[in-house]
Amino acid sequence: MVMWVVGVWAGCGLLVALGLLVGALTERLGRGRRMQAMIDWTAAASRPEAADYTARAA
């Protein structure tokens, strides 16, 4: 009985640790994609034709 309780606790701890690891990795990947999108958007907005387009849109 005691070993069963210890096994359940260890299993839960392992699942939580695995979940935190996966969460950290996906957060890092997501942040990298968002950062790249922001860099792309800034580069596109700084082009001369982008200023012309925004002036026409306004």
N, C-alpha and C. Protein backbone atom coordinates (compact mmCIF):
# COMPACT_ATOMS: atom_id res chain seq x y z
N MET A 1 0.83 -1.20 0.00
CA MET A 1 0.00 0.00 0.00
C MET A 1 0.87 1.26 0.00
N VAL A 2 1.89 1.26 0.85
CA VAL A 2 2.78 2.42 0.91
C VAL A 2 3.50 2.61 -0.42
N MET A 3 3.96 1.52 -1.00
CA MET A 3 4.67 1.62 -2.28
C MET A 3 3.74 2.11 -3.39
N TRP A 4 2.46 1.74 -3.30
CA TRP A 4 1.49 2.19 -4.30
C TRP A 4 1.33 3.70 -4.22
N VAL A 5 1.23 4.24 -3.00
CA VAL A 5 1.10 5.69 -2.80
C VAL A 5 2.36 6.40 -3.30
N VAL A 6 3.52 5.85 -2.97
CA VAL A 6 4.78 6.45 -3.44
C VAL A 6 4.84 6.42 -4.97
N GLY A 7 4.41 5.33 -5.56
CA GLY A 7 4.41 5.23 -7.02
C GLY A 7 3.49 6.23 -7.67
N VAL A 8 2.31 6.42 -7.09
CA VAL A 8 1.36 7.40 -7.64
C VAL A 8 1.93 8.81 -7.54
N TRP A 9 2.51 9.15 -6.38
CA TRP A 9 3.11 10.48 -6.21
C TRP A 9 4.25 10.69 -7.20
N ALA A 10 5.09 9.69 -7.37
CA ALA A 10 6.22 9.81 -8.30
C ALA A 10 5.72 9.98 -9.73
N GLY A 11 4.68 9.21 -10.08
CA GLY A 11 4.12 9.32 -11.43
C GLY A 11 3.53 10.70 -11.69
N CYS A 12 2.82 11.23 -10.68
CA CYS A 12 2.24 12.58 -10.83
C CYS A 12 3.34 13.62 -10.96
N GLY A 13 4.38 13.48 -10.15
CA GLY A 13 5.49 14.42 -10.23
C GLY A 13 6.18 14.38 -11.58
N LEU A 14 6.32 13.18 -12.13
CA LEU A 14 6.94 13.03 -13.44
C LEU A 14 6.08 13.67 -14.53
N LEU A 15 4.76 13.48 -14.44
CA LEU A 15 3.86 14.09 -15.42
C LEU A 15 3.90 15.61 -15.34
N VAL A 16 3.92 16.14 -14.12
CA VAL A 16 3.99 17.60 -13.96
C VAL A 16 5.30 18.14 -14.53
N ALA A 17 6.41 17.46 -14.24
CA ALA A 17 7.71 17.90 -14.76
C ALA A 17 7.73 17.85 -16.28
N LEU A 18 7.18 16.80 -16.85
CA LEU A 18 7.13 16.68 -18.30
C LEU A 18 6.26 17.79 -18.90
N GLY A 19 5.13 18.06 -18.27
CA GLY A 19 4.25 19.13 -18.75
C GLY A 19 4.92 20.49 -18.70
N LEU A 20 5.66 20.75 -17.62
CA LEU A 20 6.37 22.03 -17.52
C LEU A 20 7.45 22.15 -18.59
N LEU A 21 8.14 21.05 -18.85
CA LEU A 21 9.19 21.06 -19.88
C LEU A 21 8.60 21.33 -21.26
N VAL A 22 7.52 20.63 -21.59
CA VAL A 22 6.87 20.83 -22.89
C VAL A 22 6.32 22.25 -22.99
N GLY A 23 5.73 22.75 -21.90
CA GLY A 23 5.21 24.12 -21.89
C GLY A 23 6.31 25.14 -22.11
N ALA A 24 7.45 24.94 -21.48
CA ALA A 24 8.56 25.88 -21.63
C ALA A 24 9.09 25.85 -23.07
N LEU A 25 9.19 24.66 -23.65
CA LEU A 25 9.69 24.57 -25.02
C LEU A 25 8.73 25.21 -26.01
N THR A 26 7.43 24.95 -25.87
CA THR A 26 6.47 25.53 -26.80
C THR A 26 6.38 27.04 -26.62
N GLU A 27 6.52 27.52 -25.39
CA GLU A 27 6.52 28.96 -25.16
C GLU A 27 7.72 29.61 -25.83
N ARG A 28 8.87 28.95 -25.74
CA ARG A 28 10.07 29.50 -26.37
C ARG A 28 9.91 29.53 -27.89
N LEU A 29 9.37 28.45 -28.46
CA LEU A 29 9.16 28.41 -29.91
C LEU A 29 8.14 29.46 -30.33
N GLY A 30 7.07 29.58 -29.57
CA GLY A 30 6.04 30.57 -29.89
C GLY A 30 6.58 31.98 -29.83
N ARG A 31 7.40 32.25 -28.81
CA ARG A 31 7.96 33.59 -28.67
C ARG A 31 8.89 33.88 -29.84
N GLY A 32 9.64 32.87 -30.29
CA GLY A 32 10.52 33.05 -31.44
C GLY A 32 9.74 33.39 -32.70
N ARG A 33 8.61 32.73 -32.89
CA ARG A 33 7.79 33.01 -34.07
C ARG A 33 7.19 34.42 -33.99
N ARG A 34 6.72 34.79 -32.81
CA ARG A 34 6.14 36.13 -32.65
C ARG A 34 7.20 37.20 -32.88
N MET A 35 8.41 36.93 -32.38
CA MET A 35 9.50 37.88 -32.55
C MET A 35 9.83 38.02 -34.03
N GLN A 36 9.88 36.91 -34.76
CA GLN A 36 10.19 36.96 -36.18
C GLN A 36 9.10 37.70 -36.94
N ALA A 37 7.84 37.48 -36.57
CA ALA A 37 6.74 38.18 -37.22
C ALA A 37 6.85 39.69 -36.99
N MET A 38 7.24 40.08 -35.79
CA MET A 38 7.40 41.50 -35.50
C MET A 38 8.55 42.10 -36.30
N ILE A 39 9.64 41.34 -36.42
CA ILE A 39 10.78 41.81 -37.22
C ILE A 39 10.38 41.95 -38.68
N ASP A 40 9.66 40.96 -39.21
CA ASP A 40 9.20 41.03 -40.60
C ASP A 40 8.28 42.22 -40.81
N TRP A 41 7.35 42.43 -39.85
CA TRP A 41 6.39 43.54 -39.98
C TRP A 41 7.12 44.88 -39.96
N THR A 42 8.11 45.00 -39.07
CA THR A 42 8.87 46.25 -38.97
C THR A 42 9.67 46.49 -40.25
N ALA A 43 10.26 45.44 -40.79
CA ALA A 43 11.03 45.58 -42.03
C ALA A 43 10.12 45.98 -43.18
N ALA A 44 8.93 45.39 -43.24
CA ALA A 44 8.00 45.73 -44.32
C ALA A 44 7.49 47.15 -44.16
N ALA A 45 7.25 47.58 -42.93
CA ALA A 45 6.72 48.93 -42.70
C ALA A 45 7.77 50.00 -42.97
N SER A 46 9.04 49.65 -42.93
CA SER A 46 10.08 50.65 -43.13
C SER A 46 10.46 50.82 -44.60
N ARG A 47 9.88 50.02 -45.48
CA ARG A 47 10.17 50.17 -46.91
C ARG A 47 9.46 51.42 -47.45
N PRO A 48 10.03 52.07 -48.44
CA PRO A 48 9.41 53.29 -48.99
C PRO A 48 8.03 53.03 -49.58
N GLU A 49 7.84 51.90 -50.26
CA GLU A 49 6.53 51.63 -50.86
C GLU A 49 5.47 51.39 -49.80
N ALA A 50 5.89 50.96 -48.61
CA ALA A 50 4.94 50.77 -47.52
C ALA A 50 4.40 52.12 -47.06
N ALA A 51 5.25 53.12 -47.00
CA ALA A 51 4.81 54.46 -46.61
C ALA A 51 3.83 55.01 -47.64
N ASP A 52 4.10 54.77 -48.92
CA ASP A 52 3.20 55.21 -49.98
C ASP A 52 1.85 54.53 -49.84
N TYR A 53 1.86 53.23 -49.54
CA TYR A 53 0.61 52.48 -49.40
C TYR A 53 -0.20 52.99 -48.21
N THR A 54 0.47 53.24 -47.09
CA THR A 54 -0.27 53.72 -45.92
C THR A 54 -0.80 55.12 -46.15
N ALA A 55 -0.09 55.94 -46.92
CA ALA A 55 -0.58 57.28 -47.22
C ALA A 55 -1.83 57.19 -48.11
N ARG A 56 -1.83 56.26 -49.06
CA ARG A 56 -3.01 56.08 -49.91
C ARG A 56 -4.18 55.51 -49.13
N ALA A 57 -3.88 54.63 -48.16
CA ALA A 57 -4.95 54.01 -47.38
C ALA A 57 -5.61 55.02 -46.44
N ALA A 58 -4.87 56.04 -46.03
CA ALA A 58 -5.41 57.01 -45.05
C ALA A 58 -6.26 58.09 -45.68
